[in-house]
C-alpha cells in the first residue's frame, strides 16, 4: 500500500482502502501518537467525505492513574487480556 504525504497541506496523507477494507495509518502518525498493534480506535462518520478517528481511552485515563482499588483491579485485568491477545497474535 502506498501512503503519500502532501507537503502543501500540513498533516494530510493519501492512502487506499485494501480489498479487505483496511487502510494504513502512516508511520509518522502511528509513532507520534504511539498507535501500536491492537490500539483501539473509534470511527465516527462526519459526512460522506470525512471520518474521525479517536483513540479509545485507556482505563488509566478514565479512572485516573491507579486512583482506587477497583480501578487498579480493572486495569490489571485489562492488561492481562492485552498481553494474552498479543501472544496469540505472534
PDB file of N, CA and C in Angstrom:
ATOM      1  N   UNK A   1       0.833  -1.174   0.000  1.00  0.00           N
ATOM      2  CA  UNK A   1       0.000   0.000   0.000  1.00  0.00           C
ATOM      3  C   UNK A   1       0.883   1.243   0.000  1.00  0.00           C
ATOM      4  N   UNK A   2       0.575   2.191  -0.827  1.00  0.00           N
ATOM      5  CA  UNK A   2       1.355   3.411  -0.922  1.00  0.00           C
ATOM      6  C   UNK A   2       0.664   4.501  -0.119  1.00  0.00           C
ATOM      7  N   UNK A   3       1.442   5.136   0.751  1.00  0.00           N
ATOM      8  CA  UNK A   3       0.935   6.262   1.519  1.00  0.00           C
ATOM      9  C   UNK A   3       1.779   7.461   1.114  1.00  0.00           C
ATOM     10  N   UNK A   4       1.144   8.496   0.614  1.00  0.00           N
ATOM     11  CA  UNK A   4       1.880   9.680   0.188  1.00  0.00           C
ATOM     12  C   UNK A   4       1.468  10.875   1.021  1.00  0.00           C
ATOM     13  N   UNK A   5       2.457  11.689   1.347  1.00  0.00           N
ATOM     14  CA  UNK A   5       2.198  12.909   2.103  1.00  0.00           C
ATOM     15  C   UNK A   5       2.118  14.070   1.128  1.00  0.00           C
ATOM     16  N   UNK A   6       1.188  14.956   1.360  1.00  0.00           N
ATOM     17  CA  UNK A   6       1.039  16.134   0.537  1.00  0.00           C
ATOM     18  C   UNK A   6       1.642  17.320   1.289  1.00  0.00           C
ATOM     19  N   UNK A   7       2.858  17.763   0.911  1.00  0.00           N
ATOM     20  CA  UNK A   7       3.554  18.803   1.674  1.00  0.00           C
ATOM     21  C   UNK A   7       2.846  20.149   1.695  1.00  0.00           C
ATOM     22  N   UNK A   8       2.023  20.431   0.689  1.00  0.00           N
ATOM     23  CA  UNK A   8       1.348  21.729   0.668  1.00  0.00           C
ATOM     24  C   UNK A   8       0.229  21.802   1.705  1.00  0.00           C
ATOM     25  N   UNK A   9      -0.233  20.659   2.186  1.00  0.00           N
ATOM     26  CA  UNK A   9      -1.279  20.616   3.200  1.00  0.00           C
ATOM     27  C   UNK A   9      -0.713  19.914   4.420  1.00  0.00           C
ATOM     28  N   UNK A  10      -0.560  20.622   5.501  1.00  0.00           N
ATOM     29  CA  UNK A  10       0.009  20.025   6.694  1.00  0.00           C
ATOM     30  C   UNK A  10      -0.887  18.910   7.214  1.00  0.00           C
ATOM     31  N   UNK A  11      -0.276  17.796   7.546  1.00  0.00           N
ATOM     32  CA  UNK A  11      -0.934  16.645   8.159  1.00  0.00           C
ATOM     33  C   UNK A  11      -2.008  16.019   7.272  1.00  0.00           C
ATOM     34  N   UNK A  12      -1.840  16.056   5.962  1.00  0.00           N
ATOM     35  CA  UNK A  12      -2.750  15.350   5.060  1.00  0.00           C
ATOM     36  C   UNK A  12      -1.966  14.268   4.350  1.00  0.00           C
ATOM     37  N   UNK A  13      -2.529  13.104   4.286  1.00  0.00           N
ATOM     38  CA  UNK A  13      -1.888  11.953   3.685  1.00  0.00           C
ATOM     39  C   UNK A  13      -2.874  11.278   2.749  1.00  0.00           C
ATOM     40  N   UNK A  14      -2.349  10.539   1.789  1.00  0.00           N
ATOM     41  CA  UNK A  14      -3.205   9.796   0.881  1.00  0.00           C
ATOM     42  C   UNK A  14      -2.919   8.312   1.076  1.00  0.00           C
ATOM     43  N   UNK A  15      -3.957   7.542   1.195  1.00  0.00           N
ATOM     44  CA  UNK A  15      -3.837   6.094   1.330  1.00  0.00           C
ATOM     45  C   UNK A  15      -4.993   5.467   0.567  1.00  0.00           C
ATOM     46  N   UNK A  16      -4.978   4.156   0.400  1.00  0.00           N
ATOM     47  CA  UNK A  16      -6.050   3.459  -0.303  1.00  0.00           C
ATOM     48  C   UNK A  16      -6.680   2.425   0.612  1.00  0.00           C
ATOM     49  N   UNK A  17      -7.929   2.146   0.364  1.00  0.00           N
ATOM     50  CA  UNK A  17      -8.625   1.086   1.078  1.00  0.00           C
ATOM     51  C   UNK A  17      -8.271  -0.227   0.388  1.00  0.00           C
ATOM     52  N   UNK A  18      -7.852  -1.223   1.176  1.00  0.00           N
ATOM     53  CA  UNK A  18      -7.490  -2.525   0.606  1.00  0.00           C
ATOM     54  C   UNK A  18      -8.734  -3.328   0.253  1.00  0.00           C
ATOM     55  N   UNK A  19      -8.527  -4.457  -0.378  1.00  0.00           N
ATOM     56  CA  UNK A  19      -9.654  -5.328  -0.734  1.00  0.00           C
ATOM     57  C   UNK A  19     -10.363  -5.852   0.508  1.00  0.00           C
ATOM     58  N   UNK A  20      -9.678  -5.830   1.656  1.00  0.00           N
ATOM     59  CA  UNK A  20     -10.287  -6.257   2.923  1.00  0.00           C
ATOM     60  C   UNK A  20     -10.893  -5.089   3.698  1.00  0.00           C
ATOM     61  N   UNK A  21     -10.895  -3.897   3.086  1.00  0.00           N
ATOM     62  CA  UNK A  21     -11.480  -2.727   3.749  1.00  0.00           C
ATOM     63  C   UNK A  21     -10.543  -2.073   4.752  1.00  0.00           C
ATOM     64  N   UNK A  22      -9.250  -2.363   4.676  1.00  0.00           N
ATOM     65  CA  UNK A  22      -8.282  -1.811   5.620  1.00  0.00           C
ATOM     66  C   UNK A  22      -7.583  -0.604   5.017  1.00  0.00           C
ATOM     67  N   UNK A  23      -7.138   0.300   5.907  1.00  0.00           N
ATOM     68  CA  UNK A  23      -6.313   1.422   5.479  1.00  0.00           C
ATOM     69  C   UNK A  23      -5.045   1.427   6.324  1.00  0.00           C
ATOM     70  N   UNK A  24      -4.018   2.073   5.798  1.00  0.00           N
ATOM     71  CA  UNK A  24      -2.762   2.204   6.522  1.00  0.00           C
ATOM     72  C   UNK A  24      -2.725   3.576   7.172  1.00  0.00           C
ATOM     73  N   UNK A  25      -2.449   3.609   8.466  1.00  0.00           N
ATOM     74  CA  UNK A  25      -2.199   4.878   9.145  1.00  0.00           C
ATOM     75  C   UNK A  25      -0.698   5.120   8.979  1.00  0.00           C
ATOM     76  N   UNK A  26      -0.304   6.231   8.375  1.00  0.00           N
ATOM     77  CA  UNK A  26       1.112   6.471   8.105  1.00  0.00           C
ATOM     78  C   UNK A  26       1.987   6.344   9.360  1.00  0.00           C
ATOM     79  N   UNK A  27       3.195   5.834   9.152  1.00  0.00           N
ATOM     80  CA  UNK A  27       4.137   5.589  10.250  1.00  0.00           C
ATOM     81  C   UNK A  27       4.337   6.830  11.109  1.00  0.00           C
ATOM     82  N   UNK A  28       4.492   7.984  10.475  1.00  0.00           N
ATOM     83  CA  UNK A  28       4.717   9.235  11.212  1.00  0.00           C
ATOM     84  C   UNK A  28       3.609   9.471  12.247  1.00  0.00           C
ATOM     85  N   UNK A  29       2.370   9.230  11.860  1.00  0.00           N
ATOM     86  CA  UNK A  29       1.235   9.417  12.764  1.00  0.00           C
ATOM     87  C   UNK A  29       1.240   8.335  13.839  1.00  0.00           C
ATOM     88  N   UNK A  30       1.473   7.064  13.437  1.00  0.00           N
ATOM     89  CA  UNK A  30       1.500   5.963  14.410  1.00  0.00           C
ATOM     90  C   UNK A  30       2.566   6.197  15.475  1.00  0.00           C
ATOM     91  N   UNK A  31       3.741   6.623  15.044  1.00  0.00           N
ATOM     92  CA  UNK A  31       4.828   6.847  16.002  1.00  0.00           C
ATOM     93  C   UNK A  31       4.548   8.042  16.899  1.00  0.00           C
ATOM     94  N   UNK A  32       4.077   9.117  16.327  1.00  0.00           N
ATOM     95  CA  UNK A  32       3.803  10.336  17.105  1.00  0.00           C
ATOM     96  C   UNK A  32       2.763  10.090  18.189  1.00  0.00           C
ATOM     97  N   UNK A  33       1.728   9.324  17.863  1.00  0.00           N
ATOM     98  CA  UNK A  33       0.623   9.105  18.797  1.00  0.00           C
ATOM     99  C   UNK A  33       0.685   7.744  19.493  1.00  0.00           C
ATOM    100  N   UNK A  34       1.776   7.020  19.256  1.00  0.00           N
ATOM    101  CA  UNK A  34       2.019   5.718  19.879  1.00  0.00           C
ATOM    102  C   UNK A  34       0.895   4.709  19.615  1.00  0.00           C
ATOM    103  N   UNK A  35       0.409   4.684  18.368  1.00  0.00           N
ATOM    104  CA  UNK A  35      -0.545   3.653  17.978  1.00  0.00           C
ATOM    105  C   UNK A  35       0.257   2.383  17.731  1.00  0.00           C
ATOM    106  N   UNK A  36      -0.088   1.334  18.425  1.00  0.00           N
ATOM    107  CA  UNK A  36       0.593   0.052  18.291  1.00  0.00           C
ATOM    108  C   UNK A  36      -0.410  -0.978  17.804  1.00  0.00           C
ATOM    109  N   UNK A  37       0.090  -2.131  17.460  1.00  0.00           N
ATOM    110  CA  UNK A  37      -0.786  -3.237  17.096  1.00  0.00           C
ATOM    111  C   UNK A  37      -1.782  -3.447  18.233  1.00  0.00           C
ATOM    112  N   UNK A  38      -3.042  -3.503  17.894  1.00  0.00           N
ATOM    113  CA  UNK A  38      -4.070  -3.704  18.906  1.00  0.00           C
ATOM    114  C   UNK A  38      -4.651  -2.421  19.471  1.00  0.00           C
ATOM    115  N   UNK A  39      -4.086  -1.261  19.112  1.00  0.00           N
ATOM    116  CA  UNK A  39      -4.667   0.001  19.580  1.00  0.00           C
ATOM    117  C   UNK A  39      -6.105   0.074  19.078  1.00  0.00           C
ATOM    118  N   UNK A  40      -6.992   0.474  19.953  1.00  0.00           N
ATOM    119  CA  UNK A  40      -8.402   0.558  19.573  1.00  0.00           C
ATOM    120  C   UNK A  40      -8.760   1.989  19.225  1.00  0.00           C
ATOM    121  N   UNK A  41      -9.481   2.137  18.118  1.00  0.00           N
ATOM    122  CA  UNK A  41      -9.901   3.445  17.640  1.00  0.00           C
ATOM    123  C   UNK A  41     -11.411   3.450  17.435  1.00  0.00           C
ATOM    124  N   UNK A  42     -11.992   4.600  17.622  1.00  0.00           N
ATOM    125  CA  UNK A  42     -13.417   4.802  17.358  1.00  0.00           C
ATOM    126  C   UNK A  42     -13.524   5.555  16.041  1.00  0.00           C
ATOM    127  N   UNK A  43     -14.374   5.074  15.139  1.00  0.00           N
ATOM    128  CA  UNK A  43     -14.588   5.734  13.847  1.00  0.00           C
ATOM    129  C   UNK A  43     -15.947   6.420  13.887  1.00  0.00           C
ATOM    130  N   UNK A  44     -15.947   7.720  13.600  1.00  0.00           N
ATOM    131  CA  UNK A  44     -17.184   8.491  13.537  1.00  0.00           C
ATOM    132  C   UNK A  44     -17.301   9.074  12.133  1.00  0.00           C
ATOM    133  N   UNK A  45     -18.418   8.816  11.477  1.00  0.00           N
ATOM    134  CA  UNK A  45     -18.652   9.379  10.146  1.00  0.00           C
ATOM    135  C   UNK A  45     -19.186  10.796  10.326  1.00  0.00           C
ATOM    136  N   UNK A  46     -18.441  11.766   9.791  1.00  0.00           N
ATOM    137  CA  UNK A  46     -18.850  13.166   9.908  1.00  0.00           C
ATOM    138  C   UNK A  46     -19.750  13.577   8.745  1.00  0.00           C
ATOM    139  N   UNK A  47     -19.379  13.145   7.547  1.00  0.00           N
ATOM    140  CA  UNK A  47     -20.219  13.332   6.359  1.00  0.00           C
ATOM    141  C   UNK A  47     -19.715  12.345   5.318  1.00  0.00           C
ATOM    142  N   UNK A  48     -20.195  12.443   4.099  1.00  0.00           N
ATOM    143  CA  UNK A  48     -19.828  11.440   3.092  1.00  0.00           C
ATOM    144  C   UNK A  48     -18.358  11.491   2.687  1.00  0.00           C
ATOM    145  N   UNK A  49     -17.658  12.561   3.032  1.00  0.00           N
ATOM    146  CA  UNK A  49     -16.242  12.694   2.682  1.00  0.00           C
ATOM    147  C   UNK A  49     -15.294  12.671   3.872  1.00  0.00           C
ATOM    148  N   UNK A  50     -15.801  12.667   5.076  1.00  0.00           N
ATOM    149  CA  UNK A  50     -14.932  12.778   6.252  1.00  0.00           C
ATOM    150  C   UNK A  50     -15.293  11.759   7.321  1.00  0.00           C
ATOM    151  N   UNK A  51     -14.242  11.178   7.892  1.00  0.00           N
ATOM    152  CA  UNK A  51     -14.414  10.346   9.070  1.00  0.00           C
ATOM    153  C   UNK A  51     -13.456  10.856  10.140  1.00  0.00           C
ATOM    154  N   UNK A  52     -13.771  10.578  11.373  1.00  0.00           N
ATOM    155  CA  UNK A  52     -12.943  10.981  12.505  1.00  0.00           C
ATOM    156  C   UNK A  52     -12.472   9.723  13.203  1.00  0.00           C
ATOM    157  N   UNK A  53     -11.167   9.616  13.461  1.00  0.00           N
ATOM    158  CA  UNK A  53     -10.609   8.502  14.223  1.00  0.00           C
ATOM    159  C   UNK A  53     -10.220   9.019  15.590  1.00  0.00           C
ATOM    160  N   UNK A  54     -10.688   8.355  16.641  1.00  0.00           N
ATOM    161  CA  UNK A  54     -10.344   8.719  18.007  1.00  0.00           C
ATOM    162  C   UNK A  54      -9.857   7.477  18.737  1.00  0.00           C
ATOM    163  N   UNK A  55      -8.845   7.643  19.561  1.00  0.00           N
ATOM    164  CA  UNK A  55      -8.354   6.533  20.355  1.00  0.00           C
ATOM    165  C   UNK A  55      -9.368   6.229  21.462  1.00  0.00           C
ATOM    166  N   UNK A  56      -9.608   4.949  21.688  1.00  0.00           N
ATOM    167  CA  UNK A  56     -10.437   4.545  22.812  1.00  0.00           C
ATOM    168  C   UNK A  56      -9.623   4.861  24.067  1.00  0.00           C
ATOM    169  N   UNK A  57     -10.189   5.612  25.009  1.00  0.00           N
ATOM    170  CA  UNK A  57      -9.409   5.986  26.192  1.00  0.00           C
ATOM    171  C   UNK A  57      -8.959   4.759  26.983  1.00  0.00           C
ATOM    172  N   UNK A  58      -7.726   4.832  27.478  1.00  0.00           N
ATOM    173  CA  UNK A  58      -7.219   3.764  28.330  1.00  0.00           C
ATOM    174  C   UNK A  58      -7.911   3.857  29.684  1.00  0.00           C
ATOM    175  N   UNK A  59      -7.994   2.745  30.371  1.00  0.00           N
ATOM    176  CA  UNK A  59      -8.650   2.747  31.676  1.00  0.00           C
ATOM    177  C   UNK A  59      -7.990   3.714  32.637  1.00  0.00           C
ATOM    178  N   UNK A  60      -6.666   3.860  32.548  1.00  0.00           N
ATOM    179  CA  UNK A  60      -5.970   4.785  33.449  1.00  0.00           C
ATOM    180  C   UNK A  60      -6.423   6.226  33.209  1.00  0.00           C
ATOM    181  N   UNK A  61      -6.812   6.545  31.970  1.00  0.00           N
ATOM    182  CA  UNK A  61      -7.305   7.885  31.667  1.00  0.00           C
ATOM    183  C   UNK A  61      -8.726   8.082  32.198  1.00  0.00           C
ATOM    184  N   UNK A  62      -9.499   7.010  32.208  1.00  0.00           N
ATOM    185  CA  UNK A  62     -10.883   7.093  32.675  1.00  0.00           C
ATOM    186  C   UNK A  62     -10.935   7.163  34.198  1.00  0.00           C
ATOM    187  N   UNK A  63     -10.186   6.277  34.855  1.00  0.00           N
ATOM    188  CA  UNK A  63     -10.238   6.175  36.313  1.00  0.00           C
ATOM    189  C   UNK A  63      -9.191   7.023  37.022  1.00  0.00           C
ATOM    190  N   UNK A  64      -8.243   7.583  36.298  1.00  0.00           N
ATOM    191  CA  UNK A  64      -7.106   8.229  36.939  1.00  0.00           C
ATOM    192  C   UNK A  64      -6.070   7.151  37.206  1.00  0.00           C
ATOM    193  N   UNK A  65      -4.816   7.517  37.207  1.00  0.00           N
ATOM    194  CA  UNK A  65      -3.759   6.510  37.330  1.00  0.00           C
ATOM    195  C   UNK A  65      -3.814   5.823  38.685  1.00  0.00           C
ATOM    196  N   UNK A  66      -4.304   4.583  38.685  1.00  0.00           N
ATOM    197  CA  UNK A  66      -4.380   3.745  39.878  1.00  0.00           C
ATOM    198  C   UNK A  66      -5.107   4.466  41.021  1.00  0.00           C
ATOM    199  N   UNK A  67      -6.175   5.184  40.651  1.00  0.00           N
ATOM    200  CA  UNK A  67      -6.899   6.003  41.620  1.00  0.00           C
ATOM    201  C   UNK A  67      -7.456   5.258  42.812  1.00  0.00           C
ATOM    202  N   UNK A  68      -8.107   4.115  42.597  1.00  0.00           N
ATOM    203  CA  UNK A  68      -8.625   3.358  43.738  1.00  0.00           C
ATOM    204  C   UNK A  68      -8.451   1.879  43.447  1.00  0.00           C
ATOM    205  N   UNK A  69      -8.756   1.049  44.414  1.00  0.00           N
ATOM    206  CA  UNK A  69      -8.503  -0.388  44.309  1.00  0.00           C
ATOM    207  C   UNK A  69      -9.274  -1.015  43.151  1.00  0.00           C
ATOM    208  N   UNK A  70     -10.519  -0.629  42.930  1.00  0.00           N
ATOM    209  CA  UNK A  70     -11.320  -1.210  41.848  1.00  0.00           C
ATOM    210  C   UNK A  70     -10.735  -0.845  40.485  1.00  0.00           C
ATOM    211  N   UNK A  71     -10.311   0.389  40.349  1.00  0.00           N
ATOM    212  CA  UNK A  71      -9.690   0.806  39.084  1.00  0.00           C
ATOM    213  C   UNK A  71      -8.402   0.029  38.843  1.00  0.00           C
ATOM    214  N   UNK A  72      -7.609  -0.155  39.891  1.00  0.00           N
ATOM    215  CA  UNK A  72      -6.353  -0.908  39.770  1.00  0.00           C
ATOM    216  C   UNK A  72      -6.640  -2.348  39.354  1.00  0.00           C
ATOM    217  N   UNK A  73      -7.664  -2.942  39.933  1.00  0.00           N
ATOM    218  CA  UNK A  73      -8.034  -4.317  39.593  1.00  0.00           C
ATOM    219  C   UNK A  73      -8.479  -4.394  38.131  1.00  0.00           C
ATOM    220  N   UNK A  74      -9.288  -3.444  37.702  1.00  0.00           N
ATOM    221  CA  UNK A  74      -9.764  -3.407  36.323  1.00  0.00           C
ATOM    222  C   UNK A  74      -8.600  -3.224  35.350  1.00  0.00           C
ATOM    223  N   UNK A  75      -7.684  -2.325  35.685  1.00  0.00           N
ATOM    224  CA  UNK A  75      -6.502  -2.110  34.849  1.00  0.00           C
ATOM    225  C   UNK A  75      -5.682  -3.381  34.720  1.00  0.00           C
ATOM    226  N   UNK A  76      -5.479  -4.057  35.822  1.00  0.00           N
ATOM    227  CA  UNK A  76      -4.692  -5.282  35.830  1.00  0.00           C
ATOM    228  C   UNK A  76      -5.349  -6.358  34.959  1.00  0.00           C
ATOM    229  N   UNK A  77      -6.644  -6.511  35.077  1.00  0.00           N
ATOM    230  CA  UNK A  77      -7.377  -7.494  34.280  1.00  0.00           C
ATOM    231  C   UNK A  77      -7.287  -7.163  32.796  1.00  0.00           C
ATOM    232  N   UNK A  78      -7.464  -5.887  32.456  1.00  0.00           N
ATOM    233  CA  UNK A  78      -7.393  -5.462  31.056  1.00  0.00           C
ATOM    234  C   UNK A  78      -5.995  -5.694  30.498  1.00  0.00           C
ATOM    235  N   UNK A  79      -4.974  -5.389  31.278  1.00  0.00           N
ATOM    236  CA  UNK A  79      -3.592  -5.584  30.813  1.00  0.00           C
ATOM    237  C   UNK A  79      -3.311  -7.061  30.548  1.00  0.00           C
ATOM    238  N   UNK A  80      -3.806  -7.945  31.415  1.00  0.00           N
ATOM    239  CA  UNK A  80      -3.617  -9.385  31.210  1.00  0.00           C
ATOM    240  C   UNK A  80      -4.257  -9.826  29.896  1.00  0.00           C
ATOM    241  N   UNK A  81      -5.438  -9.286  29.589  1.00  0.00           N
ATOM    242  CA  UNK A  81      -6.106  -9.607  28.327  1.00  0.00           C
ATOM    243  C   UNK A  81      -5.295  -9.112  27.133  1.00  0.00           C
ATOM    244  N   UNK A  82      -4.739  -7.904  27.247  1.00  0.00           N
ATOM    245  CA  UNK A  82      -3.931  -7.350  26.161  1.00  0.00           C
ATOM    246  C   UNK A  82      -2.690  -8.207  25.910  1.00  0.00           C
ATOM    247  N   UNK A  83      -2.005  -8.600  26.984  1.00  0.00           N
ATOM    248  CA  UNK A  83      -0.809  -9.422  26.849  1.00  0.00           C
ATOM    249  C   UNK A  83      -1.156 -10.761  26.221  1.00  0.00           C
ATOM    250  N   UNK A  84      -2.243 -11.359  26.656  1.00  0.00           N
ATOM    251  CA  UNK A  84      -2.685 -12.627  26.107  1.00  0.00           C
ATOM    252  C   UNK A  84      -2.993 -12.507  24.613  1.00  0.00           C
ATOM    253  N   UNK A  85      -3.683 -11.432  24.235  1.00  0.00           N
ATOM    254  CA  UNK A  85      -4.026 -11.198  22.818  1.00  0.00           C
ATOM    255  C   UNK A  85      -2.776 -10.993  21.984  1.00  0.00           C
ATOM    256  N   UNK A  86      -1.790 -10.273  22.528  1.00  0.00           N
ATOM    257  CA  UNK A  86      -0.534 -10.052  21.804  1.00  0.00           C
ATOM    258  C   UNK A  86       0.206 -11.371  21.583  1.00  0.00           C
ATOM    259  N   UNK A  87       0.219 -12.227  22.587  1.00  0.00           N
ATOM    260  CA  UNK A  87       0.893 -13.520  22.470  1.00  0.00           C
ATOM    261  C   UNK A  87       0.227 -14.394  21.415  1.00  0.00           C
ATOM    262  N   UNK A  88      -1.098 -14.367  21.372  1.00  0.00           N
ATOM    263  CA  UNK A  88      -1.837 -15.160  20.385  1.00  0.00           C
ATOM    264  C   UNK A  88      -1.596 -14.651  18.977  1.00  0.00           C
ATOM    265  N   UNK A  89      -1.365 -13.345  18.827  1.00  0.00           N
ATOM    266  CA  UNK A  89      -1.176 -12.739  17.511  1.00  0.00           C
ATOM    267  C   UNK A  89       0.207 -12.961  16.919  1.00  0.00           C
ATOM    268  N   UNK A  90       1.168 -13.366  17.732  1.00  0.00           N
ATOM    269  CA  UNK A  90       2.534 -13.552  17.205  1.00  0.00           C
ATOM    270  C   UNK A  90       2.831 -14.969  16.866  1.00  0.00           C
TER     271      UNK A  90
END
